[in-house]
Amino acid sequence: MKFIESLKNVWKIEELRNRILITLSLLLVYRFGAQIVLPGIDATLLGSLADKTDSGILGILNAFTGGAFANASVFALGIMPYISASIVVQLMGIAIPYLQKLQKEGASGQKKITQITRWLTIAICLLQAPGYLASLPALGIPESAFLLGQGPLFYFSSVSILVTGCIFAMWLGEKITDKGIGNGISLLIMVGIIARLPQVFLQNAATRLEGNNVMLILFELVIWFVIILGSIMLVMGVRKIAVQYARRTATGGYEKAAMAGSRQYIPLKLNASGVMPIIFAQAIMFVPSLIGGSSFLKETATGIWMQTNYSDIFGFWYNVTFALLIIVFTYFYTAITVPTNKMADDLKRSGGFIPGIRPGSETSEYLDKIMSQITLPGSIFLALLAVFPAFIVKLMGVQQGWALFFGGTSLLIMVGVAIDTMQQINSYLLNRHYDGLMKTGKNRKAVA
């Protein structure tokens, strides 16, 4: 098979082979750290914590940390504080002139932004770590599990270890990006998500086998693969905007190029915002249940209704609100991350134009109009993927842990990172005159 041949070619390229081995080694270190329990906690008494984080909102948090959250490990906070800090810095860049200036300074500005993100990550960790430790008894861990008690010594040492663990995970991600095959932070999240996949699948399969429903297992796998294909279509889908460039004549003037090779395209992604709208929406979805449980509404009918309906991530009202928020945030995030004005200016400076559209403001308005048109179906598709686990739970009785892999953030991260990683490897193969993983055919011969 050509795909097997392409895999063999990967190991023929020494630089690519070394990068893959470095990546695998660092990922192994991260997974090993996720199993190390915080000092002062009895690992044999964490069963109730694992049960509480098997489904629901805590199940999502546990999935992002690869089970480290349920293990009360040194990586219990995972890499999510860094992701949160990155989002905050990105959003602050809209309103703060200093950050806008840094964004325009190229590599030096990006270096300063990265440093700001790191310090903000530490600040977020210092807030989240005590909250995580304080929530452990409420999640079912008995007092006997705390070997050193829950005094200042335990909190100081554990907070220090959790912050250090997050910083170390951030360092691992950066090293994978620099020395490995790239997408370090994303790979850490993906590996953590995949780590729980065999366990939740086997648990669901065991339940089905008890009821002699073997065909139902196969049917679920078929649906899962269809959803994966739909996710790939969403991630890869683009709208190509034809662009032509003027060519310089011998007299020094410019004329429209008539050659076929002069026509290029601006690829506008169907889902330019990625999984960020889902992450934003999930953060907001914590609010209704907190409001319902507040001292003002706790005993009222409204408060009880909010707590009941917004604490169940597979409930009807939760998913209706969730889907609407995803559509709104998709438009919002696309608007701040796809700079149509800058695209139009860059196109004008390079002598390019969209046929039938004047360069400048008209080009910007045209690109903005196209983005609005393609964002609507993209946002609806993204919302449907995000709420599909609720459908699969209600209609087919799939276990909640396994259902989370039928859509939402987990599946989109897995698909998106897998595609990006294959493209990275693909570029190495093509640069060495081999066929890539994403294309079949004979080896390309180097041109002398």
Protein backbone atom coordinates (compact mmCIF):
# COMPACT_ATOMS: atom_id res chain seq x y z
CA MET A 1 0.00 0.00 0.00
CA LYS A 2 1.14 3.51 -0.82
CA PHE A 3 0.25 4.73 2.66
CA ILE A 4 2.54 2.09 4.23
CA GLU A 5 5.27 3.13 1.80
CA SER A 6 4.82 6.75 2.87
CA LEU A 7 5.16 5.73 6.52
CA LYS A 8 8.42 3.97 5.68
CA ASN A 9 9.64 7.12 3.95
CA VAL A 10 9.09 9.04 7.19
CA TRP A 11 11.88 7.06 8.85
CA LYS A 12 14.23 7.66 5.92
CA ILE A 13 14.34 11.38 6.73
CA GLU A 14 16.66 11.73 9.71
CA GLU A 15 15.42 15.16 10.82
CA LEU A 16 11.77 14.10 10.70
CA ARG A 17 12.53 10.83 12.49
CA ASN A 18 14.34 12.66 15.29
CA ARG A 19 11.51 15.17 15.65
CA ILE A 20 8.93 12.39 15.92
CA LEU A 21 11.00 10.55 18.54
CA ILE A 22 11.43 13.77 20.57
CA THR A 23 7.70 14.42 20.36
CA LEU A 24 6.82 10.90 21.51
CA SER A 25 9.32 11.10 24.37
CA LEU A 26 7.95 14.41 25.67
CA LEU A 27 4.36 13.17 25.36
CA LEU A 28 5.35 10.08 27.35
CA VAL A 29 6.77 12.32 30.08
CA TYR A 30 3.48 14.25 30.19
CA ARG A 31 1.40 11.09 30.45
CA PHE A 32 3.70 9.74 33.17
CA GLY A 33 3.30 12.94 35.19
CA ALA A 34 -0.49 12.66 34.92
CA GLN A 35 -0.31 9.48 37.02
CA ILE A 36 1.76 10.97 39.88
CA VAL A 37 -0.55 11.84 42.79
CA LEU A 38 0.05 14.99 44.84
CA PRO A 39 2.17 14.33 47.95
CA GLY A 40 0.04 13.97 51.05
CA ILE A 41 -2.91 12.30 49.30
CA ASP A 42 -3.58 8.57 49.50
CA ALA A 43 -3.96 7.36 45.91
CA THR A 44 -5.99 4.30 47.01
CA LEU A 45 -8.85 6.52 48.24
CA LEU A 46 -9.47 8.46 45.02
CA GLY A 47 -12.18 6.12 43.68
CA SER A 48 -15.02 8.51 44.50
CA LEU A 49 -13.25 11.36 42.72
CA ALA A 50 -12.94 9.21 39.59
CA ASP A 51 -16.67 8.40 39.77
CA LYS A 52 -17.64 12.08 40.12
CA THR A 53 -15.50 13.10 37.14
CA ASP A 54 -16.66 10.30 34.88
CA SER A 55 -19.41 12.38 33.27
CA GLY A 56 -20.97 15.82 33.20
CA ILE A 57 -19.05 19.08 33.29
CA LEU A 58 -16.32 17.56 35.46
CA GLY A 59 -15.99 14.81 32.86
CA ILE A 60 -15.12 17.44 30.26
CA LEU A 61 -12.48 18.97 32.54
CA ASN A 62 -11.07 15.53 33.26
CA ALA A 63 -10.94 14.73 29.54
CA PHE A 64 -8.86 17.85 28.80
CA THR A 65 -6.33 16.85 31.45
CA GLY A 66 -6.16 13.22 30.32
CA GLY A 67 -7.47 11.89 33.65
CA ALA A 68 -5.02 13.96 35.72
CA PHE A 69 -7.92 15.88 37.28
CA ALA A 70 -9.45 12.65 38.64
CA ASN A 71 -6.05 11.36 39.75
CA ALA A 72 -5.33 14.50 41.83
CA SER A 73 -1.98 14.44 40.07
CA VAL A 74 0.75 17.05 39.74
CA PHE A 75 -0.72 17.87 36.29
CA ALA A 76 -4.29 18.15 37.62
CA LEU A 77 -4.67 21.66 36.16
CA GLY A 78 -3.37 20.42 32.82
CA ILE A 79 -2.53 22.95 30.16
CA MET A 80 -5.89 24.73 30.37
CA PRO A 81 -4.61 27.74 32.40
CA TYR A 82 -2.23 28.47 29.53
CA ILE A 83 -5.09 28.16 27.02
CA SER A 84 -7.20 30.51 29.14
CA ALA A 85 -4.34 33.01 29.37
CA SER A 86 -3.81 32.86 25.60
CA ILE A 87 -7.51 33.58 24.97
CA VAL A 88 -7.51 36.48 27.45
CA VAL A 89 -4.41 38.04 25.86
CA GLN A 90 -5.88 37.62 22.40
CA LEU A 91 -9.13 39.31 23.43
CA MET A 92 -7.28 42.06 25.28
CA GLY A 93 -5.36 42.75 22.08
CA ILE A 94 -8.57 44.20 20.64
CA ALA A 95 -8.87 46.92 23.26
CA ILE A 96 -5.35 47.56 24.61
CA PRO A 97 -3.14 49.69 22.28
CA TYR A 98 0.09 48.31 23.78
CA LEU A 99 -0.82 44.74 22.79
CA GLN A 100 -1.93 45.94 19.35
CA LYS A 101 1.48 47.54 18.92
CA LEU A 102 3.23 44.32 19.94
CA GLN A 103 1.17 42.34 17.42
CA LYS A 104 2.53 44.55 14.64
CA GLU A 105 6.19 44.24 15.70
CA GLY A 106 6.69 40.77 14.25
CA ALA A 107 8.89 38.24 16.04
CA SER A 108 10.06 40.60 18.80
CA GLY A 109 6.49 41.63 19.61
CA GLN A 110 5.31 38.02 19.60
CA LYS A 111 8.10 37.16 22.05
CA LYS A 112 6.83 39.81 24.48
CA ILE A 113 3.23 38.62 24.05
CA THR A 114 4.35 35.07 24.84
CA GLN A 115 6.06 36.32 28.01
CA ILE A 116 2.90 38.17 29.07
CA THR A 117 0.88 34.99 28.43
CA ARG A 118 3.24 32.98 30.63
CA TRP A 119 2.94 35.39 33.57
CA LEU A 120 -0.84 35.45 33.19
CA THR A 121 -0.80 31.63 33.18
CA ILE A 122 0.95 31.65 36.56
CA ALA A 123 -1.63 34.11 37.92
CA ILE A 124 -4.51 31.91 36.72
CA CYS A 125 -2.85 28.84 38.25
CA LEU A 126 -2.52 30.62 41.60
CA LEU A 127 -6.29 31.18 41.52
CA GLN A 128 -7.31 27.75 40.25
CA ALA A 129 -4.98 25.59 42.36
CA PRO A 130 -6.47 26.52 45.80
CA GLY A 131 -9.97 26.18 44.36
CA TYR A 132 -9.17 22.69 43.07
CA LEU A 133 -7.72 21.61 46.42
CA ALA A 134 -10.67 23.05 48.34
CA SER A 135 -13.13 21.18 46.09
CA LEU A 136 -11.58 17.74 46.68
CA PRO A 137 -13.56 16.96 49.89
CA ALA A 138 -16.78 18.08 48.18
CA LEU A 139 -16.02 15.67 45.34
CA GLY A 140 -16.02 12.71 47.70
CA ILE A 141 -12.44 12.35 48.90
CA PRO A 142 -12.57 11.34 52.60
CA GLU A 143 -10.53 13.15 55.24
CA SER A 144 -8.47 10.00 55.77
CA ALA A 145 -7.07 10.42 52.23
CA PHE A 146 -5.22 13.59 53.31
CA LEU A 147 -2.23 12.04 55.06
CA LEU A 148 -0.84 15.38 56.22
CA GLY A 149 -4.21 16.96 56.90
CA GLN A 150 -5.52 20.03 55.08
CA GLY A 151 -3.54 22.67 56.86
CA PRO A 152 -1.38 25.50 55.51
CA LEU A 153 1.54 23.15 54.83
CA PHE A 154 -0.60 20.95 52.58
CA TYR A 155 -2.05 23.92 50.69
CA PHE A 156 1.29 25.68 50.25
CA SER A 157 3.11 22.60 48.98
CA SER A 158 0.24 21.41 46.78
CA VAL A 159 -0.38 24.84 45.22
CA SER A 160 3.35 25.13 44.49
CA ILE A 161 3.39 21.69 42.86
CA LEU A 162 0.23 22.33 40.80
CA VAL A 163 1.59 25.65 39.51
CA THR A 164 4.93 24.05 38.74
CA GLY A 165 3.18 21.15 36.99
CA CYS A 166 1.25 23.52 34.74
CA ILE A 167 4.42 25.49 33.91
CA PHE A 168 6.27 22.25 33.17
CA ALA A 169 3.43 21.11 30.89
CA MET A 170 3.60 24.49 29.13
CA TRP A 171 7.37 24.01 28.71
CA LEU A 172 6.82 20.52 27.27
CA GLY A 173 4.37 21.96 24.74
CA GLU A 174 6.80 24.67 23.67
CA LYS A 175 9.62 22.14 23.29
CA ILE A 176 7.40 19.93 21.13
CA THR A 177 6.68 22.97 18.96
CA ASP A 178 10.37 23.93 18.69
CA LYS A 179 12.12 20.55 18.62
CA GLY A 180 9.28 18.20 17.67
CA ILE A 181 6.71 18.15 14.90
CA GLY A 182 4.87 21.28 16.06
CA ASN A 183 1.50 22.06 17.66
CA GLY A 184 2.91 21.20 21.08
CA ILE A 185 0.12 22.56 23.29
CA SER A 186 -2.55 21.08 21.02
CA LEU A 187 -0.82 17.70 21.02
CA LEU A 188 -0.76 17.63 24.83
CA ILE A 189 -4.50 18.23 24.93
CA MET A 190 -5.17 15.68 22.19
CA VAL A 191 -3.08 12.98 23.86
CA GLY A 192 -4.90 13.61 27.13
CA ILE A 193 -8.27 13.24 25.40
CA ILE A 194 -7.24 10.09 23.51
CA ALA A 195 -5.90 8.54 26.74
CA ARG A 196 -9.47 8.21 28.06
CA LEU A 197 -10.91 6.90 24.79
CA PRO A 198 -10.16 3.15 25.25
CA GLN A 199 -11.47 3.14 28.82
CA VAL A 200 -14.82 4.80 28.10
CA PHE A 201 -15.32 2.72 24.95
CA LEU A 202 -14.69 -0.55 26.78
CA GLN A 203 -17.03 0.48 29.60
CA ASN A 204 -19.81 1.21 27.13
CA ALA A 205 -19.08 -1.99 25.17
CA ALA A 206 -19.21 -4.07 28.36
CA THR A 207 -22.64 -2.64 29.14
CA ARG A 208 -23.86 -3.46 25.64
CA LEU A 209 -22.47 -7.00 25.82
CA GLU A 210 -24.33 -7.62 29.06
CA GLY A 211 -27.53 -6.94 27.16
CA ASN A 212 -26.40 -8.98 24.10
CA ASN A 213 -26.38 -5.84 21.93
CA VAL A 214 -23.31 -6.53 19.79
CA MET A 215 -24.87 -5.00 16.68
CA LEU A 216 -25.57 -1.82 18.64
CA ILE A 217 -21.83 -1.49 19.33
CA LEU A 218 -21.09 -1.72 15.61
CA PHE A 219 -23.85 0.78 14.84
CA GLU A 220 -22.37 3.23 17.35
CA LEU A 221 -18.93 2.86 15.73
CA VAL A 222 -20.42 3.57 12.30
CA ILE A 223 -22.09 6.72 13.62
CA TRP A 224 -18.83 7.73 15.29
CA PHE A 225 -16.88 7.42 12.03
CA VAL A 226 -19.55 9.42 10.19
CA ILE A 227 -19.27 12.17 12.79
CA ILE A 228 -15.48 12.13 12.39
CA LEU A 229 -15.89 12.55 8.62
CA GLY A 230 -18.26 15.46 9.24
CA SER A 231 -15.71 17.03 11.59
CA ILE A 232 -12.99 16.67 8.95
CA MET A 233 -15.23 18.38 6.40
CA LEU A 234 -15.84 21.24 8.85
CA VAL A 235 -12.13 21.65 9.63
CA MET A 236 -10.96 21.38 6.01
CA GLY A 237 -13.83 23.24 4.31
CA VAL A 238 -12.78 26.50 2.59
CA ARG A 239 -14.32 28.99 0.20
CA LYS A 240 -11.80 29.94 -2.48
CA ILE A 241 -11.87 33.59 -3.58
CA ALA A 242 -10.21 33.98 -7.00
CA VAL A 243 -7.40 36.57 -7.08
CA GLN A 244 -5.40 37.95 -10.01
CA TYR A 245 -2.10 39.78 -9.88
CA ALA A 246 -0.81 42.49 -12.18
CA ARG A 247 2.50 41.80 -13.88
CA ARG A 248 5.18 44.35 -14.61
CA THR A 249 5.98 45.09 -18.24
CA ALA A 250 9.32 45.97 -19.80
CA THR A 251 8.38 49.67 -19.75
CA GLY A 252 7.90 49.59 -16.00
CA GLY A 253 4.10 49.72 -16.03
CA TYR A 254 1.60 47.11 -14.87
CA GLU A 255 -1.00 45.18 -16.80
CA LYS A 256 -3.46 42.45 -15.96
CA ALA A 257 -1.84 39.06 -16.23
CA ALA A 258 -3.56 36.79 -18.71
CA MET A 259 -1.49 33.72 -17.92
CA ALA A 260 -3.33 30.84 -16.23
CA GLY A 261 -0.69 30.62 -13.53
CA SER A 262 -1.32 34.21 -12.44
CA ARG A 263 -4.72 33.36 -10.94
CA GLN A 264 -4.53 32.40 -7.28
CA TYR A 265 -7.01 32.02 -4.44
CA ILE A 266 -7.68 33.36 -0.96
CA PRO A 267 -8.90 30.38 1.10
CA LEU A 268 -11.56 31.52 3.59
CA LYS A 269 -12.20 28.73 6.08
CA LEU A 270 -15.73 27.56 6.71
CA ASN A 271 -14.90 27.37 10.42
CA ALA A 272 -12.26 30.05 10.93
CA SER A 273 -12.80 30.11 14.71
CA GLY A 274 -11.95 26.45 15.36
CA VAL A 275 -13.09 25.13 18.76
CA MET A 276 -12.91 28.51 20.51
CA PRO A 277 -16.67 29.19 20.30
CA ILE A 278 -17.34 25.89 22.09
CA ILE A 279 -14.78 26.73 24.79
CA PHE A 280 -16.28 30.20 25.28
CA ALA A 281 -19.82 28.79 25.38
CA GLN A 282 -18.87 26.10 27.89
CA ALA A 283 -17.35 28.75 30.16
CA ILE A 284 -20.59 30.75 30.03
CA MET A 285 -22.74 27.64 30.65
CA PHE A 286 -21.38 27.43 34.20
CA VAL A 287 -23.09 30.72 35.02
CA PRO A 288 -26.84 29.79 35.00
CA SER A 289 -26.46 26.97 37.53
CA LEU A 290 -24.32 29.22 39.75
CA ILE A 291 -26.94 31.96 39.58
CA GLY A 292 -29.69 29.46 40.35
CA GLY A 293 -27.78 28.26 43.40
CA SER A 294 -27.07 31.75 44.70
CA SER A 295 -28.55 32.94 47.99
CA PHE A 296 -31.08 35.14 46.14
CA LEU A 297 -32.63 32.41 43.97
CA LYS A 298 -31.70 29.17 45.74
CA GLU A 299 -35.12 28.56 47.30
CA THR A 300 -37.23 30.04 44.49
CA ALA A 301 -38.87 28.13 41.64
CA THR A 302 -36.68 29.98 39.12
CA GLY A 303 -33.50 29.07 40.96
CA ILE A 304 -34.47 25.41 41.26
CA TRP A 305 -35.38 25.31 37.55
CA MET A 306 -32.02 26.85 36.58
CA GLN A 307 -30.07 24.45 38.77
CA THR A 308 -31.97 21.43 37.45
CA ASN A 309 -31.83 22.28 33.74
CA TYR A 310 -28.35 23.82 33.52
CA SER A 311 -26.50 21.27 35.64
CA ASP A 312 -27.25 18.47 33.17
CA ILE A 313 -25.00 18.89 30.12
CA PHE A 314 -27.20 16.43 28.22
CA GLY A 315 -30.45 18.23 29.07
CA PHE A 316 -32.71 20.01 26.56
CA TRP A 317 -32.43 23.63 27.76
CA TYR A 318 -28.71 23.32 28.40
CA ASN A 319 -28.06 22.25 24.81
CA VAL A 320 -30.45 24.79 23.24
CA THR A 321 -28.68 27.61 25.08
CA PHE A 322 -25.30 26.01 24.36
CA ALA A 323 -25.99 25.86 20.59
CA LEU A 324 -27.19 29.48 20.43
CA LEU A 325 -24.10 30.69 22.32
CA ILE A 326 -21.84 28.75 19.95
CA ILE A 327 -23.42 30.43 16.91
CA VAL A 328 -23.04 33.89 18.51
CA PHE A 329 -19.44 33.28 19.60
CA THR A 330 -18.54 31.87 16.18
CA TYR A 331 -19.49 35.18 14.57
CA PHE A 332 -17.75 37.14 17.34
CA TYR A 333 -14.48 35.17 17.23
CA THR A 334 -14.40 35.09 13.42
CA ALA A 335 -14.84 38.87 13.34
CA ILE A 336 -11.82 39.46 15.61
CA THR A 337 -9.52 36.81 14.12
CA VAL A 338 -10.14 37.25 10.37
CA PRO A 339 -8.88 40.78 9.55
CA THR A 340 -10.58 41.44 6.22
CA ASN A 341 -9.28 45.03 6.19
CA LYS A 342 -5.68 43.84 6.53
CA MET A 343 -6.24 41.16 3.88
CA ALA A 344 -7.55 43.80 1.45
CA ASP A 345 -4.62 46.14 2.18
CA ASP A 346 -2.03 43.36 1.74
CA LEU A 347 -3.69 42.33 -1.52
CA LYS A 348 -3.60 45.91 -2.80
CA ARG A 349 0.07 46.40 -1.86
CA SER A 350 1.07 43.20 -3.67
CA GLY A 351 -0.70 44.26 -6.85
CA GLY A 352 -3.52 41.74 -6.50
CA PHE A 353 -7.23 42.20 -7.00
CA ILE A 354 -10.43 40.20 -6.98
CA PRO A 355 -11.95 40.18 -10.50
CA GLY A 356 -14.89 42.57 -10.63
CA ILE A 357 -14.10 44.15 -7.23
CA ARG A 358 -12.16 47.38 -6.76
CA PRO A 359 -9.08 47.19 -4.51
CA GLY A 360 -9.29 48.77 -1.09
CA SER A 361 -12.50 49.27 0.86
CA GLU A 362 -14.70 47.47 -1.67
CA THR A 363 -12.47 44.39 -1.47
CA SER A 364 -12.66 44.51 2.34
CA GLU A 365 -16.45 44.77 2.26
CA TYR A 366 -16.65 41.92 -0.25
CA LEU A 367 -14.46 39.64 1.86
CA ASP A 368 -16.45 40.57 4.97
CA LYS A 369 -19.69 39.73 3.17
CA ILE A 370 -18.36 36.33 2.04
CA MET A 371 -17.13 35.56 5.57
CA SER A 372 -20.57 36.37 6.97
CA GLN A 373 -22.22 34.09 4.42
CA ILE A 374 -19.99 31.08 5.06
CA THR A 375 -19.85 31.61 8.84
CA LEU A 376 -23.61 30.98 9.18
CA PRO A 377 -23.58 27.36 7.91
CA GLY A 378 -20.24 26.81 9.61
CA SER A 379 -21.56 28.00 12.97
CA ILE A 380 -24.73 25.90 12.67
CA PHE A 381 -22.70 22.81 11.77
CA LEU A 382 -20.36 23.50 14.69
CA ALA A 383 -23.32 23.88 17.06
CA LEU A 384 -24.85 20.61 15.86
CA LEU A 385 -21.56 18.80 16.42
CA ALA A 386 -21.31 20.28 19.90
CA VAL A 387 -24.78 19.12 21.00
CA PHE A 388 -24.73 15.75 19.21
CA PRO A 389 -23.50 13.91 22.36
CA ALA A 390 -26.82 14.85 23.98
CA PHE A 391 -28.73 13.27 21.08
CA ILE A 392 -26.67 10.09 21.24
CA VAL A 393 -27.27 9.80 25.01
CA LYS A 394 -31.02 10.41 24.84
CA LEU A 395 -31.78 8.39 21.70
CA MET A 396 -29.38 5.44 22.03
CA GLY A 397 -28.61 5.29 25.74
CA VAL A 398 -24.85 5.59 25.21
CA GLN A 399 -22.82 6.07 28.40
CA GLN A 400 -22.00 9.71 29.00
CA GLY A 401 -18.22 9.28 28.98
CA TRP A 402 -18.27 7.58 25.56
CA ALA A 403 -20.89 10.04 24.25
CA LEU A 404 -18.50 12.98 24.73
CA PHE A 405 -16.41 11.58 21.86
CA PHE A 406 -19.35 11.87 19.45
CA GLY A 407 -18.89 15.60 19.07
CA GLY A 408 -18.01 18.77 20.90
CA THR A 409 -14.59 20.06 21.82
CA SER A 410 -12.97 16.65 22.33
CA LEU A 411 -13.68 15.36 18.84
CA LEU A 412 -12.87 18.63 17.07
CA ILE A 413 -9.55 18.92 18.90
CA MET A 414 -8.67 15.33 17.99
CA VAL A 415 -9.56 15.85 14.33
CA GLY A 416 -8.00 19.32 14.00
CA VAL A 417 -4.70 18.41 15.68
CA ALA A 418 -4.45 15.12 13.74
CA ILE A 419 -4.92 16.97 10.44
CA ASP A 420 -2.37 19.67 11.38
CA THR A 421 0.17 17.03 12.43
CA MET A 422 -0.28 15.09 9.20
CA GLN A 423 0.19 18.29 7.22
CA GLN A 424 3.43 18.99 9.11
CA ILE A 425 4.75 15.50 8.31
CA ASN A 426 3.43 15.84 4.77
CA SER A 427 5.47 19.00 4.18
CA TYR A 428 8.67 17.23 5.27
CA LEU A 429 8.01 14.36 2.86
CA LEU A 430 7.23 16.63 -0.07
CA ASN A 431 10.33 18.76 0.57
CA ARG A 432 12.42 15.59 0.37
CA HIS A 433 10.74 14.62 -2.92
CA TYR A 434 8.63 11.85 -1.42
CA ASP A 435 4.90 11.38 -1.71
CA GLY A 436 3.10 12.75 1.32
CA LEU A 437 0.81 10.94 3.72
CA MET A 438 -2.15 12.78 2.24
CA LYS A 439 -1.45 11.88 -1.36
CA THR A 440 -0.68 8.58 -3.12
CA GLY A 441 1.64 7.96 -6.01
CA LYS A 442 5.25 7.13 -6.79
CA ASN A 443 8.23 8.67 -5.08
CA ARG A 444 9.22 11.99 -6.53
CA LYS A 445 12.70 12.10 -7.97
CA ALA A 446 14.92 15.01 -7.12
CA VAL A 447 15.60 17.32 -10.03
CA ALA A 448 19.28 17.88 -10.62
